[in-house]
PDB file of N, CA and C in Angstrom:
ATOM      1  N   MET A   1       0.232 -26.751 -24.062  1.00  0.00           N
ATOM      2  CA  MET A   1       0.552 -28.054 -25.065  1.00  0.00           C
ATOM      3  C   MET A   1       1.135 -29.073 -24.897  1.00  0.00           C
ATOM      4  N   VAL A   2       0.720 -30.087 -24.882  1.00  0.00           N
ATOM      5  CA  VAL A   2       1.344 -31.545 -24.391  1.00  0.00           C
ATOM      6  C   VAL A   2       1.681 -32.396 -25.792  1.00  0.00           C
ATOM      7  N   ILE A   3       3.035 -32.772 -25.910  1.00  0.00           N
ATOM      8  CA  ILE A   3       3.443 -33.699 -26.708  1.00  0.00           C
ATOM      9  C   ILE A   3       4.092 -34.398 -26.605  1.00  0.00           C
ATOM     10  N   SER A   4       3.901 -35.705 -26.487  1.00  0.00           N
ATOM     11  CA  SER A   4       4.044 -37.063 -26.154  1.00  0.00           C
ATOM     12  C   SER A   4       4.344 -37.764 -27.329  1.00  0.00           C
ATOM     13  N   GLY A   5       5.651 -38.613 -27.299  1.00  0.00           N
ATOM     14  CA  GLY A   5       5.882 -39.705 -28.170  1.00  0.00           C
ATOM     15  C   GLY A   5       6.265 -40.573 -27.696  1.00  0.00           C
ATOM     16  N   ILE A   6       5.468 -41.605 -28.398  1.00  0.00           N
ATOM     17  CA  ILE A   6       4.898 -43.116 -28.128  1.00  0.00           C
ATOM     18  C   ILE A   6       5.558 -44.179 -29.270  1.00  0.00           C
ATOM     19  N   TYR A   7       6.100 -45.467 -27.930  1.00  0.00           N
ATOM     20  CA  TYR A   7       6.989 -46.270 -29.142  1.00  0.00           C
ATOM     21  C   TYR A   7       5.510 -47.353 -28.707  1.00  0.00           C
ATOM     22  N   ILE A   8       5.173 -48.304 -29.920  1.00  0.00           N
ATOM     23  CA  ILE A   8       4.256 -49.431 -29.727  1.00  0.00           C
ATOM     24  C   ILE A   8       4.563 -50.342 -30.061  1.00  0.00           C
ATOM     25  N   GLU A   9       4.014 -51.520 -29.666  1.00  0.00           N
ATOM     26  CA  GLU A   9       4.826 -53.358 -29.880  1.00  0.00           C
ATOM     27  C   GLU A   9       3.363 -53.366 -30.551  1.00  0.00           C
ATOM     28  N   THR A  10       3.220 -54.183 -31.015  1.00  0.00           N
ATOM     29  CA  THR A  10       1.882 -55.175 -31.648  1.00  0.00           C
ATOM     30  C   THR A  10       2.053 -56.433 -31.938  1.00  0.00           C
ATOM     31  N   ILE A  11       0.771 -57.476 -31.845  1.00  0.00           N
ATOM     32  CA  ILE A  11       1.183 -58.933 -32.292  1.00  0.00           C
ATOM     33  C   ILE A  11       1.718 -58.886 -33.833  1.00  0.00           C
ATOM     34  N   PRO A  12       3.167 -59.213 -34.140  1.00  0.00           N
ATOM     35  CA  PRO A  12       3.555 -59.553 -35.559  1.00  0.00           C
ATOM     36  C   PRO A  12       2.413 -59.352 -36.759  1.00  0.00           C
ATOM     37  N   GLY A  13       2.150 -58.594 -37.681  1.00  0.00           N
ATOM     38  CA  GLY A  13       1.678 -58.557 -38.536  1.00  0.00           C
ATOM     39  C   GLY A  13       0.282 -57.586 -38.528  1.00  0.00           C
ATOM     40  N   GLN A  14       0.066 -56.963 -37.085  1.00  0.00           N
ATOM     41  CA  GLN A  14      -0.846 -56.264 -36.861  1.00  0.00           C
ATOM     42  C   GLN A  14      -0.912 -54.738 -36.604  1.00  0.00           C
ATOM     43  N   ALA A  15       0.334 -54.612 -37.387  1.00  0.00           N
ATOM     44  CA  ALA A  15       0.714 -53.116 -36.675  1.00  0.00           C
ATOM     45  C   ALA A  15      -0.089 -52.286 -38.045  1.00  0.00           C
ATOM     46  N   TYR A  16      -0.346 -52.632 -38.842  1.00  0.00           N
ATOM     47  CA  TYR A  16      -0.940 -51.709 -39.866  1.00  0.00           C
ATOM     48  C   TYR A  16      -2.435 -51.378 -40.001  1.00  0.00           C
ATOM     49  N   LYS A  17      -2.793 -52.534 -39.197  1.00  0.00           N
ATOM     50  CA  LYS A  17      -4.518 -52.239 -39.066  1.00  0.00           C
ATOM     51  C   LYS A  17      -4.495 -51.361 -37.433  1.00  0.00           C
ATOM     52  N   ALA A  18      -3.657 -51.724 -36.810  1.00  0.00           N
ATOM     53  CA  ALA A  18      -4.027 -50.825 -35.122  1.00  0.00           C
ATOM     54  C   ALA A  18      -3.529 -49.464 -35.914  1.00  0.00           C
ATOM     55  N   ALA A  19      -2.347 -49.315 -36.638  1.00  0.00           N
ATOM     56  CA  ALA A  19      -1.899 -47.543 -37.156  1.00  0.00           C
ATOM     57  C   ALA A  19      -3.555 -47.504 -37.679  1.00  0.00           C
ATOM     58  N   GLU A  20      -4.488 -47.835 -38.385  1.00  0.00           N
ATOM     59  CA  GLU A  20      -5.304 -47.363 -39.075  1.00  0.00           C
ATOM     60  C   GLU A  20      -6.125 -46.900 -38.129  1.00  0.00           C
ATOM     61  N   ILE A  21      -6.450 -47.618 -37.117  1.00  0.00           N
ATOM     62  CA  ILE A  21      -7.514 -47.122 -35.886  1.00  0.00           C
ATOM     63  C   ILE A  21      -6.718 -46.389 -35.051  1.00  0.00           C
ATOM     64  N   LEU A  22      -5.197 -46.183 -34.500  1.00  0.00           N
ATOM     65  CA  LEU A  22      -5.067 -45.129 -33.943  1.00  0.00           C
ATOM     66  C   LEU A  22      -4.745 -43.935 -34.968  1.00  0.00           C
ATOM     67  N   ALA A  23      -4.828 -43.625 -35.965  1.00  0.00           N
ATOM     68  CA  ALA A  23      -4.336 -42.685 -36.950  1.00  0.00           C
ATOM     69  C   ALA A  23      -5.896 -42.138 -36.526  1.00  0.00           C
ATOM     70  N   GLU A  24      -6.914 -42.320 -36.128  1.00  0.00           N
ATOM     71  CA  GLU A  24      -8.401 -41.875 -36.514  1.00  0.00           C
ATOM     72  C   GLU A  24      -8.398 -41.332 -34.932  1.00  0.00           C
ATOM     73  N   ILE A  25      -7.795 -41.682 -34.067  1.00  0.00           N
ATOM     74  CA  ILE A  25      -7.632 -40.795 -32.921  1.00  0.00           C
ATOM     75  C   ILE A  25      -8.086 -39.153 -32.526  1.00  0.00           C
ATOM     76  N   ASN A  26      -8.655 -38.892 -32.088  1.00  0.00           N
ATOM     77  CA  ASN A  26      -8.076 -36.968 -32.257  1.00  0.00           C
ATOM     78  C   ASN A  26      -6.998 -37.014 -31.264  1.00  0.00           C
ATOM     79  N   GLY A  27      -5.468 -36.060 -31.950  1.00  0.00           N
ATOM     80  CA  GLY A  27      -4.251 -35.743 -31.249  1.00  0.00           C
ATOM     81  C   GLY A  27      -3.730 -36.694 -31.779  1.00  0.00           C
ATOM     82  N   VAL A  28      -3.571 -37.664 -32.514  1.00  0.00           N
ATOM     83  CA  VAL A  28      -2.654 -38.691 -32.369  1.00  0.00           C
ATOM     84  C   VAL A  28      -2.096 -38.466 -34.370  1.00  0.00           C
ATOM     85  N   GLU A  29      -1.247 -38.715 -33.862  1.00  0.00           N
ATOM     86  CA  GLU A  29      -0.470 -38.942 -35.184  1.00  0.00           C
ATOM     87  C   GLU A  29       0.272 -39.685 -35.421  1.00  0.00           C
ATOM     88  N   VAL A  30       0.330 -41.114 -36.567  1.00  0.00           N
ATOM     89  CA  VAL A  30       1.157 -41.973 -36.656  1.00  0.00           C
ATOM     90  C   VAL A  30       2.078 -41.734 -37.498  1.00  0.00           C
ATOM     91  N   HIS A  31       3.541 -41.637 -37.255  1.00  0.00           N
ATOM     92  CA  HIS A  31       4.909 -41.774 -37.983  1.00  0.00           C
ATOM     93  C   HIS A  31       5.605 -42.088 -38.392  1.00  0.00           C
ATOM     94  N   HIS A  32       5.861 -43.851 -37.735  1.00  0.00           N
ATOM     95  CA  HIS A  32       6.272 -44.834 -38.904  1.00  0.00           C
ATOM     96  C   HIS A  32       5.605 -46.240 -38.205  1.00  0.00           C
ATOM     97  N   ILE A  33       5.997 -47.128 -38.997  1.00  0.00           N
ATOM     98  CA  ILE A  33       5.827 -48.467 -38.864  1.00  0.00           C
ATOM     99  C   ILE A  33       6.871 -49.507 -39.501  1.00  0.00           C
ATOM    100  N   GLU A  34       7.528 -50.337 -38.533  1.00  0.00           N
ATOM    101  CA  GLU A  34       8.472 -51.112 -38.997  1.00  0.00           C
ATOM    102  C   GLU A  34       8.076 -52.383 -38.516  1.00  0.00           C
ATOM    103  N   ASP A  35       8.607 -53.122 -39.398  1.00  0.00           N
ATOM    104  CA  ASP A  35       8.789 -54.524 -39.332  1.00  0.00           C
ATOM    105  C   ASP A  35       7.400 -55.440 -39.061  1.00  0.00           C
ATOM    106  N   ASP A  36       6.277 -54.305 -39.549  1.00  0.00           N
ATOM    107  CA  ASP A  36       4.324 -54.940 -39.401  1.00  0.00           C
ATOM    108  C   ASP A  36       4.309 -55.215 -37.826  1.00  0.00           C
ATOM    109  N   TYR A  37       5.192 -54.613 -37.221  1.00  0.00           N
ATOM    110  CA  TYR A  37       4.920 -54.789 -35.110  1.00  0.00           C
ATOM    111  C   TYR A  37       5.100 -53.673 -34.550  1.00  0.00           C
ATOM    112  N   LYS A  38       5.682 -52.677 -35.258  1.00  0.00           N
ATOM    113  CA  LYS A  38       6.548 -51.570 -34.495  1.00  0.00           C
ATOM    114  C   LYS A  38       5.846 -50.385 -35.061  1.00  0.00           C
ATOM    115  N   ILE A  39       5.574 -49.439 -34.098  1.00  0.00           N
ATOM    116  CA  ILE A  39       4.487 -48.066 -34.431  1.00  0.00           C
ATOM    117  C   ILE A  39       5.350 -46.870 -33.480  1.00  0.00           C
ATOM    118  N   ILE A  40       5.687 -45.855 -33.776  1.00  0.00           N
ATOM    119  CA  ILE A  40       5.738 -44.508 -33.243  1.00  0.00           C
ATOM    120  C   ILE A  40       4.530 -43.642 -33.744  1.00  0.00           C
ATOM    121  N   LEU A  41       4.189 -43.433 -32.758  1.00  0.00           N
ATOM    122  CA  LEU A  41       3.265 -41.910 -33.138  1.00  0.00           C
ATOM    123  C   LEU A  41       3.631 -40.622 -32.269  1.00  0.00           C
ATOM    124  N   THR A  42       2.805 -39.765 -31.875  1.00  0.00           N
ATOM    125  CA  THR A  42       3.006 -38.560 -30.903  1.00  0.00           C
ATOM    126  C   THR A  42       1.269 -38.404 -30.694  1.00  0.00           C
ATOM    127  N   ILE A  43       1.179 -38.263 -29.627  1.00  0.00           N
ATOM    128  CA  ILE A  43      -0.058 -37.384 -29.188  1.00  0.00           C
ATOM    129  C   ILE A  43       0.021 -35.847 -28.809  1.00  0.00           C
ATOM    130  N   GLU A  44      -0.802 -34.937 -29.124  1.00  0.00           N
ATOM    131  CA  GLU A  44      -0.701 -33.817 -28.747  1.00  0.00           C
ATOM    132  C   GLU A  44      -2.578 -33.383 -27.999  1.00  0.00           C
ATOM    133  N   ALA A  45      -1.740 -32.641 -27.071  1.00  0.00           N
ATOM    134  CA  ALA A  45      -2.930 -32.658 -26.006  1.00  0.00           C
ATOM    135  C   ALA A  45      -3.038 -31.192 -25.475  1.00  0.00           C
ATOM    136  N   GLU A  46      -3.838 -30.865 -24.525  1.00  0.00           N
ATOM    137  CA  GLU A  46      -4.002 -30.201 -23.951  1.00  0.00           C
ATOM    138  C   GLU A  46      -3.307 -29.783 -22.823  1.00  0.00           C
ATOM    139  N   SER A  47      -3.207 -31.294 -22.032  1.00  0.00           N
ATOM    140  CA  SER A  47      -2.707 -31.023 -20.503  1.00  0.00           C
ATOM    141  C   SER A  47      -1.940 -32.520 -20.465  1.00  0.00           C
ATOM    142  N   ILE A  48      -1.484 -32.732 -19.912  1.00  0.00           N
ATOM    143  CA  ILE A  48      -0.954 -33.871 -19.233  1.00  0.00           C
ATOM    144  C   ILE A  48      -1.951 -35.094 -19.167  1.00  0.00           C
ATOM    145  N   ASN A  49      -2.969 -34.680 -18.256  1.00  0.00           N
ATOM    146  CA  ASN A  49      -4.313 -35.720 -17.895  1.00  0.00           C
ATOM    147  C   ASN A  49      -4.792 -35.945 -19.509  1.00  0.00           C
ATOM    148  N   ARG A  50      -5.219 -35.273 -20.038  1.00  0.00           N
ATOM    149  CA  ARG A  50      -5.923 -35.262 -21.514  1.00  0.00           C
ATOM    150  C   ARG A  50      -4.737 -36.270 -22.276  1.00  0.00           C
ATOM    151  N   SER A  51      -3.646 -36.287 -22.243  1.00  0.00           N
ATOM    152  CA  SER A  51      -2.784 -36.969 -23.181  1.00  0.00           C
ATOM    153  C   SER A  51      -3.060 -38.611 -22.364  1.00  0.00           C
ATOM    154  N   TYR A  52      -2.704 -38.227 -21.377  1.00  0.00           N
ATOM    155  CA  TYR A  52      -2.637 -39.774 -20.544  1.00  0.00           C
ATOM    156  C   TYR A  52      -4.087 -40.724 -21.119  1.00  0.00           C
ATOM    157  N   GLU A  53      -5.004 -39.767 -20.915  1.00  0.00           N
ATOM    158  CA  GLU A  53      -6.765 -40.581 -20.832  1.00  0.00           C
ATOM    159  C   GLU A  53      -6.563 -40.358 -22.849  1.00  0.00           C
ATOM    160  N   ILE A  54      -5.990 -40.062 -23.712  1.00  0.00           N
ATOM    161  CA  ILE A  54      -5.736 -40.615 -24.913  1.00  0.00           C
ATOM    162  C   ILE A  54      -5.240 -42.162 -25.093  1.00  0.00           C
ATOM    163  N   ALA A  55      -3.582 -41.922 -24.207  1.00  0.00           N
ATOM    164  CA  ALA A  55      -3.080 -43.050 -24.436  1.00  0.00           C
ATOM    165  C   ALA A  55      -4.034 -43.937 -23.549  1.00  0.00           C
ATOM    166  N   GLU A  56      -4.404 -43.997 -22.901  1.00  0.00           N
ATOM    167  CA  GLU A  56      -5.497 -45.435 -22.310  1.00  0.00           C
ATOM    168  C   GLU A  56      -6.123 -45.733 -23.146  1.00  0.00           C
ATOM    169  N   THR A  57      -6.655 -45.064 -24.241  1.00  0.00           N
ATOM    170  CA  THR A  57      -7.572 -45.547 -25.510  1.00  0.00           C
ATOM    171  C   THR A  57      -6.759 -46.517 -26.274  1.00  0.00           C
ATOM    172  N   PHE A  58      -5.721 -46.611 -26.203  1.00  0.00           N
ATOM    173  CA  PHE A  58      -4.930 -47.396 -26.981  1.00  0.00           C
ATOM    174  C   PHE A  58      -5.104 -48.750 -26.491  1.00  0.00           C
ATOM    175  N   LYS A  59      -5.442 -49.033 -25.373  1.00  0.00           N
ATOM    176  CA  LYS A  59      -5.139 -50.290 -24.692  1.00  0.00           C
ATOM    177  C   LYS A  59      -5.869 -51.616 -25.507  1.00  0.00           C
ATOM    178  N   PRO A  60      -7.418 -51.234 -25.399  1.00  0.00           N
ATOM    179  CA  PRO A  60      -8.470 -52.139 -25.852  1.00  0.00           C
ATOM    180  C   PRO A  60      -8.034 -52.753 -27.197  1.00  0.00           C
ATOM    181  N   ILE A  61      -7.393 -51.738 -28.179  1.00  0.00           N
ATOM    182  CA  ILE A  61      -7.274 -52.062 -29.739  1.00  0.00           C
ATOM    183  C   ILE A  61      -6.780 -53.246 -29.956  1.00  0.00           C
ATOM    184  N   ASP A  62      -7.411 -53.976 -30.875  1.00  0.00           N
ATOM    185  CA  ASP A  62      -6.783 -55.428 -31.129  1.00  0.00           C
ATOM    186  C   ASP A  62      -5.431 -55.340 -31.370  1.00  0.00           C
ATOM    187  N   GLY A  63      -4.553 -56.314 -31.155  1.00  0.00           N
ATOM    188  CA  GLY A  63      -2.935 -56.413 -31.482  1.00  0.00           C
ATOM    189  C   GLY A  63      -2.198 -55.865 -30.759  1.00  0.00           C
ATOM    190  N   ILE A  64      -2.422 -54.526 -30.098  1.00  0.00           N
ATOM    191  CA  ILE A  64      -1.128 -53.654 -29.235  1.00  0.00           C
ATOM    192  C   ILE A  64      -0.947 -54.782 -27.843  1.00  0.00           C
ATOM    193  N   LEU A  65       0.014 -54.882 -28.156  1.00  0.00           N
ATOM    194  CA  LEU A  65       1.028 -55.551 -26.935  1.00  0.00           C
ATOM    195  C   LEU A  65       1.293 -54.478 -25.604  1.00  0.00           C
ATOM    196  N   THR A  66       2.587 -53.560 -26.331  1.00  0.00           N
ATOM    197  CA  THR A  66       3.214 -52.613 -25.368  1.00  0.00           C
ATOM    198  C   THR A  66       3.081 -51.271 -25.956  1.00  0.00           C
ATOM    199  N   ILE A  67       2.551 -50.795 -25.066  1.00  0.00           N
ATOM    200  CA  ILE A  67       2.767 -49.039 -25.235  1.00  0.00           C
ATOM    201  C   ILE A  67       3.968 -48.275 -24.344  1.00  0.00           C
ATOM    202  N   CYS A  68       4.328 -47.513 -24.978  1.00  0.00           N
ATOM    203  CA  CYS A  68       5.915 -46.953 -24.404  1.00  0.00           C
ATOM    204  C   CYS A  68       5.620 -45.769 -24.183  1.00  0.00           C
ATOM    205  N   LEU A  69       6.084 -44.644 -23.260  1.00  0.00           N
ATOM    206  CA  LEU A  69       6.661 -43.134 -23.060  1.00  0.00           C
ATOM    207  C   LEU A  69       7.715 -42.880 -23.412  1.00  0.00           C
ATOM    208  N   ALA A  70       7.989 -42.868 -24.943  1.00  0.00           N
ATOM    209  CA  ALA A  70       9.438 -42.531 -25.379  1.00  0.00           C
ATOM    210  C   ALA A  70       9.990 -40.890 -24.795  1.00  0.00           C
ATOM    211  N   TYR A  71       9.191 -39.736 -24.892  1.00  0.00           N
ATOM    212  CA  TYR A  71       9.485 -38.205 -24.431  1.00  0.00           C
ATOM    213  C   TYR A  71       8.002 -37.708 -24.597  1.00  0.00           C
ATOM    214  N   SER A  72       8.023 -37.275 -23.086  1.00  0.00           N
ATOM    215  CA  SER A  72       6.877 -36.113 -23.379  1.00  0.00           C
ATOM    216  C   SER A  72       7.537 -34.608 -23.173  1.00  0.00           C
ATOM    217  N   ASN A  73       6.979 -33.421 -24.109  1.00  0.00           N
ATOM    218  CA  ASN A  73       7.130 -31.804 -23.699  1.00  0.00           C
ATOM    219  C   ASN A  73       5.781 -31.522 -23.548  1.00  0.00           C
ATOM    220  N   PHE A  74       6.130 -30.831 -22.158  1.00  0.00           N
ATOM    221  CA  PHE A  74       5.084 -30.030 -21.683  1.00  0.00           C
ATOM    222  C   PHE A  74       5.204 -28.775 -20.937  1.00  0.00           C
ATOM    223  N   GLU A  75       5.995 -28.092 -21.526  1.00  0.00           N
ATOM    224  CA  GLU A  75       6.535 -26.434 -21.360  1.00  0.00           C
ATOM    225  C   GLU A  75       5.081 -25.876 -21.167  1.00  0.00           C
ATOM    226  N   GLU A  76       4.167 -25.836 -21.869  1.00  0.00           N
ATOM    227  CA  GLU A  76       3.314 -25.275 -21.953  1.00  0.00           C
ATOM    228  C   GLU A  76       1.867 -25.832 -20.896  1.00  0.00           C
ATOM    229  N   GLU A  77       2.106 -26.811 -20.586  1.00  0.00           N
ATOM    230  CA  GLU A  77       1.259 -27.408 -19.355  1.00  0.00           C
ATOM    231  C   GLU A  77       0.849 -26.585 -18.512  1.00  0.00           C
ATOM    232  N   PRO A  78      -0.687 -26.190 -18.619  1.00  0.00           N
ATOM    233  CA  PRO A  78      -1.280 -25.264 -17.373  1.00  0.00           C
ATOM    234  C   PRO A  78      -0.657 -24.976 -16.041  1.00  0.00           C
ATOM    235  N   ALA A  79      -0.736 -26.641 -15.771  1.00  0.00           N
ATOM    236  CA  ALA A  79      -0.088 -26.298 -14.387  1.00  0.00           C
ATOM    237  C   ALA A  79       0.970 -25.940 -13.685  1.00  0.00           C
ATOM    238  N   TYR A  80       1.923 -26.037 -14.758  1.00  0.00           N
ATOM    239  CA  TYR A  80       2.971 -25.662 -14.471  1.00  0.00           C
ATOM    240  C   TYR A  80       3.275 -24.044 -15.108  1.00  0.00           C
ATOM    241  N   GLN A  81       2.049 -23.862 -16.147  1.00  0.00           N
ATOM    242  CA  GLN A  81       2.272 -22.355 -15.893  1.00  0.00           C
ATOM    243  C   GLN A  81       1.853 -21.760 -14.587  1.00  0.00           C
ATOM    244  N   ASN A  82       1.079 -22.126 -13.817  1.00  0.00           N
ATOM    245  CA  ASN A  82       0.359 -21.530 -12.679  1.00  0.00           C
ATOM    246  C   ASN A  82       1.501 -21.704 -11.696  1.00  0.00           C
ATOM    247  N   ALA A  83       2.503 -22.496 -11.999  1.00  0.00           N
ATOM    248  CA  ALA A  83       3.415 -22.422 -10.377  1.00  0.00           C
ATOM    249  C   ALA A  83       4.338 -21.388  -9.947  1.00  0.00           C
ATOM    250  N   ASP A  84       4.448 -21.237  -8.312  1.00  0.00           N
ATOM    251  CA  ASP A  84       5.194 -20.627  -8.325  1.00  0.00           C
ATOM    252  C   ASP A  84       6.579 -20.366  -8.302  1.00  0.00           C
ATOM    253  N   VAL A  85       7.099 -19.952  -9.218  1.00  0.00           N
ATOM    254  CA  VAL A  85       8.686 -20.008  -9.539  1.00  0.00           C
ATOM    255  C   VAL A  85       9.333 -19.428  -8.706  1.00  0.00           C
ATOM    256  N   ASP A  86       9.616 -18.179  -8.031  1.00  0.00           N
ATOM    257  CA  ASP A  86      10.169 -17.550  -6.859  1.00  0.00           C
ATOM    258  C   ASP A  86      10.114 -18.081  -5.319  1.00  0.00           C
ATOM    259  N   ARG A  87       9.983 -19.289  -5.502  1.00  0.00           N
ATOM    260  CA  ARG A  87      10.170 -19.970  -3.926  1.00  0.00           C
ATOM    261  C   ARG A  87      11.448 -19.566  -3.473  1.00  0.00           C
TER     262      ARG A  87
END
């Protein structure tokens, strides 16, 4: 499981509308909206690639200006589970 924290800025006055759309995306949880232009959310996905694919779906949402990855926890990422640690 990969968990990514995302910060999004929208056109002022459009955060709540964008957050409603974002919250409907599987794996996305909206945690906070501030000043009606800032959104904090997390993405939970099976892999890094899937997390990236989910974030890519944010781009066409009306009002979204900036999407920033704040953190990512991928200790259970399948690619890392198979890595040779005895090098």
